[in-house]
Amino acid sequence: MMDLGSDEWLLSDVGDYHTAAVETMQKNGSNWQQVIALEWPCRVNHTGDLRTLRLMISPEDAIGLAEVLEHSARWLIAQRTRG
């Protein structure tokens, strides 16, 4: 169980999301890595505050996140069609 009412949550909002494969490093050229960058329009729950979610994630974690999201989405869609 997750307590969705007590913390700040970002809710999807109207607009396009974008992803890109990027290379990052610190200003001094160290800590080079390849990541997936994601931008997604959202708003803060219980408010009208609009934001852009920006996330950089390893390719392996991006695949894991996509798999978990797909599993949860398919389960929820299946529940809707049962009732």
N, C-alpha and C. Protein backbone atom coordinates (compact mmCIF):
# COMPACT_ATOMS: atom_id res chain seq x y z
N MET A 1 0.84 -1.18 0.00
CA MET A 1 0.00 0.00 0.00
C MET A 1 0.88 1.24 0.00
N MET A 2 0.40 2.25 -0.69
CA MET A 2 1.10 3.52 -0.74
C MET A 2 0.15 4.60 -0.26
N ASP A 3 0.64 5.51 0.57
CA ASP A 3 -0.17 6.62 1.05
C ASP A 3 -0.08 7.75 0.02
N LEU A 4 -1.09 7.86 -0.81
CA LEU A 4 -1.06 8.84 -1.90
C LEU A 4 -1.52 10.23 -1.48
N GLY A 5 -2.11 10.34 -0.30
CA GLY A 5 -2.67 11.63 0.10
C GLY A 5 -1.75 12.50 0.92
N SER A 6 -0.69 11.93 1.48
CA SER A 6 0.10 12.71 2.43
C SER A 6 1.32 13.39 1.82
N ASP A 7 1.75 12.96 0.67
CA ASP A 7 2.95 13.53 0.06
C ASP A 7 2.61 14.25 -1.24
N GLU A 8 3.61 14.96 -1.74
CA GLU A 8 3.47 15.60 -3.04
C GLU A 8 3.64 14.54 -4.13
N TRP A 9 2.70 14.52 -5.06
CA TRP A 9 2.76 13.62 -6.21
C TRP A 9 2.66 14.45 -7.48
N LEU A 10 3.33 14.02 -8.51
CA LEU A 10 3.23 14.69 -9.80
C LEU A 10 2.28 13.89 -10.68
N LEU A 11 1.26 14.57 -11.19
CA LEU A 11 0.23 13.93 -12.01
C LEU A 11 0.44 14.33 -13.47
N SER A 12 0.30 13.37 -14.36
CA SER A 12 0.42 13.66 -15.79
C SER A 12 -0.50 14.81 -16.18
N ASP A 13 -0.03 15.66 -17.05
CA ASP A 13 -0.83 16.79 -17.52
C ASP A 13 -0.82 16.79 -19.04
N VAL A 14 -1.61 17.65 -19.63
CA VAL A 14 -1.72 17.75 -21.07
C VAL A 14 -0.38 18.18 -21.66
N GLY A 15 -0.01 17.57 -22.75
CA GLY A 15 1.23 17.93 -23.43
C GLY A 15 1.99 16.69 -23.87
N ASP A 16 3.07 16.92 -24.55
CA ASP A 16 3.86 15.81 -25.07
C ASP A 16 5.00 15.49 -24.12
N TYR A 17 5.34 14.21 -24.06
CA TYR A 17 6.55 13.83 -23.34
C TYR A 17 7.63 13.54 -24.37
N HIS A 18 8.87 13.66 -23.93
CA HIS A 18 10.01 13.46 -24.82
C HIS A 18 11.04 12.57 -24.14
N THR A 19 11.68 11.72 -24.91
CA THR A 19 12.80 10.94 -24.41
C THR A 19 13.96 11.07 -25.38
N ALA A 20 15.16 10.86 -24.86
CA ALA A 20 16.35 10.90 -25.70
C ALA A 20 17.45 10.09 -25.03
N ALA A 21 18.29 9.50 -25.85
CA ALA A 21 19.50 8.86 -25.35
C ALA A 21 20.57 9.95 -25.31
N VAL A 22 21.17 10.18 -24.15
CA VAL A 22 22.12 11.27 -24.00
C VAL A 22 23.40 10.79 -23.31
N GLU A 23 24.43 11.58 -23.48
CA GLU A 23 25.69 11.36 -22.76
C GLU A 23 25.87 12.53 -21.80
N THR A 24 26.20 12.23 -20.57
CA THR A 24 26.38 13.27 -19.56
C THR A 24 27.77 13.17 -18.94
N MET A 25 28.18 14.27 -18.37
CA MET A 25 29.43 14.30 -17.61
C MET A 25 29.43 15.56 -16.75
N GLN A 26 30.29 15.59 -15.76
CA GLN A 26 30.44 16.78 -14.95
C GLN A 26 31.16 17.85 -15.77
N LYS A 27 31.11 19.08 -15.30
CA LYS A 27 31.74 20.19 -16.04
C LYS A 27 33.22 19.96 -16.31
N ASN A 28 33.89 19.23 -15.41
CA ASN A 28 35.33 18.99 -15.59
C ASN A 28 35.62 17.78 -16.50
N GLY A 29 34.57 17.20 -17.07
CA GLY A 29 34.74 16.08 -18.00
C GLY A 29 34.77 14.72 -17.35
N SER A 30 34.63 14.65 -16.05
CA SER A 30 34.63 13.36 -15.36
C SER A 30 33.22 12.80 -15.24
N ASN A 31 33.14 11.57 -14.83
CA ASN A 31 31.88 10.88 -14.57
C ASN A 31 31.01 10.77 -15.82
N TRP A 32 31.64 10.44 -16.95
CA TRP A 32 30.93 10.29 -18.21
C TRP A 32 30.01 9.08 -18.14
N GLN A 33 28.79 9.24 -18.63
CA GLN A 33 27.85 8.11 -18.67
C GLN A 33 26.80 8.33 -19.75
N GLN A 34 26.19 7.25 -20.17
CA GLN A 34 25.08 7.30 -21.13
C GLN A 34 23.81 6.99 -20.37
N VAL A 35 22.78 7.82 -20.59
CA VAL A 35 21.52 7.68 -19.88
C VAL A 35 20.35 7.98 -20.82
N ILE A 36 19.18 7.65 -20.35
CA ILE A 36 17.94 8.02 -21.03
C ILE A 36 17.40 9.25 -20.31
N ALA A 37 17.08 10.30 -21.07
CA ALA A 37 16.48 11.51 -20.50
C ALA A 37 14.99 11.52 -20.85
N LEU A 38 14.17 11.89 -19.88
CA LEU A 38 12.72 11.94 -20.05
C LEU A 38 12.22 13.29 -19.56
N GLU A 39 11.37 13.92 -20.36
CA GLU A 39 10.64 15.12 -19.94
C GLU A 39 9.15 14.83 -20.08
N TRP A 40 8.39 15.19 -19.04
CA TRP A 40 6.97 14.88 -19.03
C TRP A 40 6.22 16.02 -18.36
N PRO A 41 5.18 16.59 -19.00
CA PRO A 41 4.40 17.65 -18.36
C PRO A 41 3.57 17.08 -17.21
N CYS A 42 3.50 17.82 -16.11
CA CYS A 42 2.75 17.33 -14.96
C CYS A 42 2.28 18.51 -14.11
N ARG A 43 1.45 18.19 -13.15
CA ARG A 43 1.03 19.18 -12.16
C ARG A 43 1.11 18.52 -10.79
N VAL A 44 1.27 19.35 -9.77
CA VAL A 44 1.38 18.86 -8.40
C VAL A 44 -0.03 18.56 -7.88
N ASN A 45 -0.17 17.37 -7.26
CA ASN A 45 -1.49 16.99 -6.74
C ASN A 45 -2.02 18.05 -5.77
N HIS A 46 -3.34 18.19 -5.73
CA HIS A 46 -4.05 19.13 -4.86
C HIS A 46 -3.72 20.59 -5.17
N THR A 47 -3.09 20.85 -6.31
CA THR A 47 -2.76 22.23 -6.69
C THR A 47 -2.95 22.38 -8.19
N GLY A 48 -2.79 23.57 -8.67
CA GLY A 48 -2.77 23.83 -10.10
C GLY A 48 -1.36 24.10 -10.60
N ASP A 49 -0.36 23.86 -9.74
CA ASP A 49 1.03 24.14 -10.09
C ASP A 49 1.50 23.20 -11.19
N LEU A 50 1.92 23.79 -12.31
CA LEU A 50 2.41 23.01 -13.43
C LEU A 50 3.94 22.90 -13.35
N ARG A 51 4.44 21.74 -13.72
CA ARG A 51 5.88 21.49 -13.73
C ARG A 51 6.22 20.63 -14.93
N THR A 52 7.49 20.46 -15.13
CA THR A 52 7.97 19.48 -16.09
C THR A 52 8.84 18.50 -15.33
N LEU A 53 8.44 17.26 -15.33
CA LEU A 53 9.25 16.20 -14.72
C LEU A 53 10.43 15.95 -15.64
N ARG A 54 11.62 16.00 -15.10
CA ARG A 54 12.84 15.71 -15.87
C ARG A 54 13.59 14.62 -15.13
N LEU A 55 13.85 13.54 -15.82
CA LEU A 55 14.48 12.38 -15.21
C LEU A 55 15.58 11.87 -16.12
N MET A 56 16.75 11.57 -15.54
CA MET A 56 17.80 10.87 -16.27
C MET A 56 17.98 9.53 -15.58
N ILE A 57 17.98 8.47 -16.36
CA ILE A 57 17.95 7.12 -15.81
C ILE A 57 18.81 6.20 -16.68
N SER A 58 19.43 5.23 -16.05
CA SER A 58 20.27 4.30 -16.82
C SER A 58 19.40 3.53 -17.81
N PRO A 59 19.96 3.07 -18.92
CA PRO A 59 19.17 2.29 -19.87
C PRO A 59 18.55 1.05 -19.23
N GLU A 60 19.30 0.40 -18.35
CA GLU A 60 18.77 -0.80 -17.69
C GLU A 60 17.59 -0.48 -16.78
N ASP A 61 17.70 0.62 -16.04
CA ASP A 61 16.59 1.03 -15.18
C ASP A 61 15.39 1.50 -16.01
N ALA A 62 15.65 2.13 -17.15
CA ALA A 62 14.55 2.55 -18.03
C ALA A 62 13.76 1.35 -18.52
N ILE A 63 14.47 0.28 -18.89
CA ILE A 63 13.78 -0.94 -19.32
C ILE A 63 12.97 -1.53 -18.18
N GLY A 64 13.56 -1.58 -16.99
CA GLY A 64 12.84 -2.10 -15.82
C GLY A 64 11.61 -1.27 -15.51
N LEU A 65 11.73 0.06 -15.57
CA LEU A 65 10.60 0.94 -15.32
C LEU A 65 9.50 0.72 -16.36
N ALA A 66 9.89 0.62 -17.63
CA ALA A 66 8.91 0.40 -18.69
C ALA A 66 8.18 -0.92 -18.49
N GLU A 67 8.89 -1.96 -18.07
CA GLU A 67 8.26 -3.26 -17.83
C GLU A 67 7.26 -3.20 -16.67
N VAL A 68 7.64 -2.53 -15.58
CA VAL A 68 6.75 -2.42 -14.43
C VAL A 68 5.52 -1.58 -14.78
N LEU A 69 5.73 -0.46 -15.51
CA LEU A 69 4.61 0.36 -15.93
C LEU A 69 3.66 -0.41 -16.84
N GLU A 70 4.22 -1.16 -17.79
CA GLU A 70 3.38 -1.94 -18.70
C GLU A 70 2.58 -2.98 -17.93
N HIS A 71 3.21 -3.67 -17.00
CA HIS A 71 2.52 -4.70 -16.22
C HIS A 71 1.36 -4.09 -15.44
N SER A 72 1.62 -2.98 -14.73
CA SER A 72 0.57 -2.33 -13.95
C SER A 72 -0.55 -1.79 -14.84
N ALA A 73 -0.19 -1.20 -15.97
CA ALA A 73 -1.20 -0.65 -16.88
C ALA A 73 -2.07 -1.76 -17.46
N ARG A 74 -1.46 -2.86 -17.88
CA ARG A 74 -2.26 -3.97 -18.43
C ARG A 74 -3.18 -4.55 -17.37
N TRP A 75 -2.70 -4.67 -16.12
CA TRP A 75 -3.54 -5.19 -15.04
C TRP A 75 -4.73 -4.27 -14.81
N LEU A 76 -4.48 -2.96 -14.76
CA LEU A 76 -5.56 -2.00 -14.51
C LEU A 76 -6.59 -2.01 -15.64
N ILE A 77 -6.13 -2.07 -16.87
CA ILE A 77 -7.05 -2.13 -18.02
C ILE A 77 -7.89 -3.39 -17.96
N ALA A 78 -7.28 -4.50 -17.58
CA ALA A 78 -8.02 -5.76 -17.45
C ALA A 78 -9.10 -5.66 -16.37
N GLN A 79 -8.80 -4.96 -15.28
CA GLN A 79 -9.79 -4.79 -14.20
C GLN A 79 -10.96 -3.96 -14.67
N ARG A 80 -10.70 -2.97 -15.49
CA ARG A 80 -11.78 -2.12 -16.01
C ARG A 80 -12.74 -2.92 -16.88
N THR A 81 -12.21 -3.82 -17.67
CA THR A 81 -13.05 -4.56 -18.61
C THR A 81 -13.81 -5.69 -17.91
N ARG A 82 -13.44 -6.05 -16.70
CA ARG A 82 -14.13 -7.10 -15.94
C ARG A 82 -15.44 -6.62 -15.37
N GLY A 83 -15.46 -5.33 -14.99
CA GLY A 83 -16.60 -4.80 -14.25
C GLY A 83 -17.69 -4.30 -15.11
